Protein backbone atom coordinates (compact mmCIF):
# COMPACT_ATOMS: atom_id res chain seq x y z
CA MET A 1 -4.28 -35.30 22.82
CA THR A 2 -4.50 -35.00 19.08
CA ARG A 3 -5.34 -31.90 17.15
CA GLY A 4 -7.26 -33.62 14.41
CA ASN A 5 -7.48 -31.51 11.30
CA LYS A 6 -7.93 -28.15 13.02
CA ARG A 7 -4.55 -26.85 11.87
CA ASP A 8 -5.29 -27.76 8.26
CA ARG A 9 -8.75 -26.20 8.39
CA ASP A 10 -7.32 -23.01 9.86
CA ARG A 11 -4.74 -22.80 7.07
CA GLU A 12 -7.45 -23.23 4.44
CA ARG A 13 -9.60 -20.56 6.08
CA ALA A 14 -6.66 -18.16 6.22
CA GLN A 15 -5.98 -18.71 2.53
CA THR A 16 -9.57 -18.01 1.56
CA ARG A 17 -9.60 -14.88 3.73
CA ALA A 18 -6.44 -13.65 2.04
CA GLY A 19 -8.10 -14.08 -1.33
CA ASN A 20 -5.82 -16.95 -2.31
CA LYS A 21 -3.01 -14.49 -2.91
CA GLY A 22 0.20 -16.40 -3.35
CA LYS A 23 3.60 -14.84 -3.33
CA GLN A 24 3.59 -12.72 -6.45
CA PRO A 25 6.36 -10.41 -7.57
CA LYS A 26 5.76 -6.69 -7.19
CA ASP A 27 4.48 -5.17 -10.39
CA ASP A 28 5.63 -1.57 -10.18
CA GLY A 29 6.16 -1.20 -13.92
CA LEU A 30 9.93 -0.88 -13.66
CA THR A 31 12.62 -2.89 -15.31
CA PRO A 32 15.24 -4.46 -13.04
CA GLU A 33 17.75 -1.80 -14.11
CA GLN A 34 15.34 1.03 -13.26
CA ARG A 35 14.58 -0.59 -9.92
CA ARG A 36 18.31 -0.87 -9.13
CA GLU A 37 18.84 2.80 -10.00
CA ARG A 38 15.88 3.87 -7.86
CA ASP A 39 17.09 1.81 -4.92
CA ALA A 40 20.68 3.04 -5.25
CA LYS A 41 19.49 6.64 -5.28
CA ALA A 42 17.38 6.04 -2.16
CA LEU A 43 20.37 4.46 -0.37
CA GLN A 44 22.62 7.39 -1.32
CA GLU A 45 20.06 9.87 0.02
CA LYS A 46 19.74 7.89 3.23
CA ALA A 47 23.53 7.80 3.68
CA ALA A 48 23.72 11.55 3.05
CA ARG A 49 21.03 12.22 5.67
CA LYS A 50 22.84 10.03 8.17
CA ALA A 51 26.16 11.77 7.47
CA ALA A 52 24.52 15.18 7.89
CA GLN A 53 22.99 14.05 11.19
CA ALA A 54 26.37 12.78 12.40
CA ALA A 55 28.05 16.05 11.39
CA ALA A 56 25.40 17.99 13.28
CA GLY A 57 26.07 15.87 16.37
CA GLY A 58 22.79 14.01 16.33
CA ASN A 59 22.03 11.46 19.01
CA ASN A 60 22.96 7.86 18.29
CA ALA A 61 24.30 8.68 14.82
CA GLY A 62 26.52 5.60 14.90
CA GLY A 63 23.68 3.21 15.54
CA GLY A 64 23.80 0.49 18.12
CA ARG A 65 23.19 1.17 21.79
CA GLY A 66 22.65 4.64 23.08
CA LYS A 67 23.81 3.82 26.60
CA SER A 68 26.97 2.36 28.01
CA ASN A 69 27.35 -1.42 28.27
CA LYS A 70 28.83 -1.26 31.77
CA LYS A 71 27.25 -3.56 34.32
């Protein structure tokens, strides 16, 4: 069985529904340096929260599996 042009028509319809938005870079008004600083600060805050959770004895602070791997 052949599909004909159904796949192509569906792609075209999806593009028109999406408003013909291609992949465009995010325009948040920041320079690359500002963006790097913002991201670095967010990562530091996240690491600090995770360290505080680990110090408080939070569950699954190390990531990975919460249960034993034994079979």
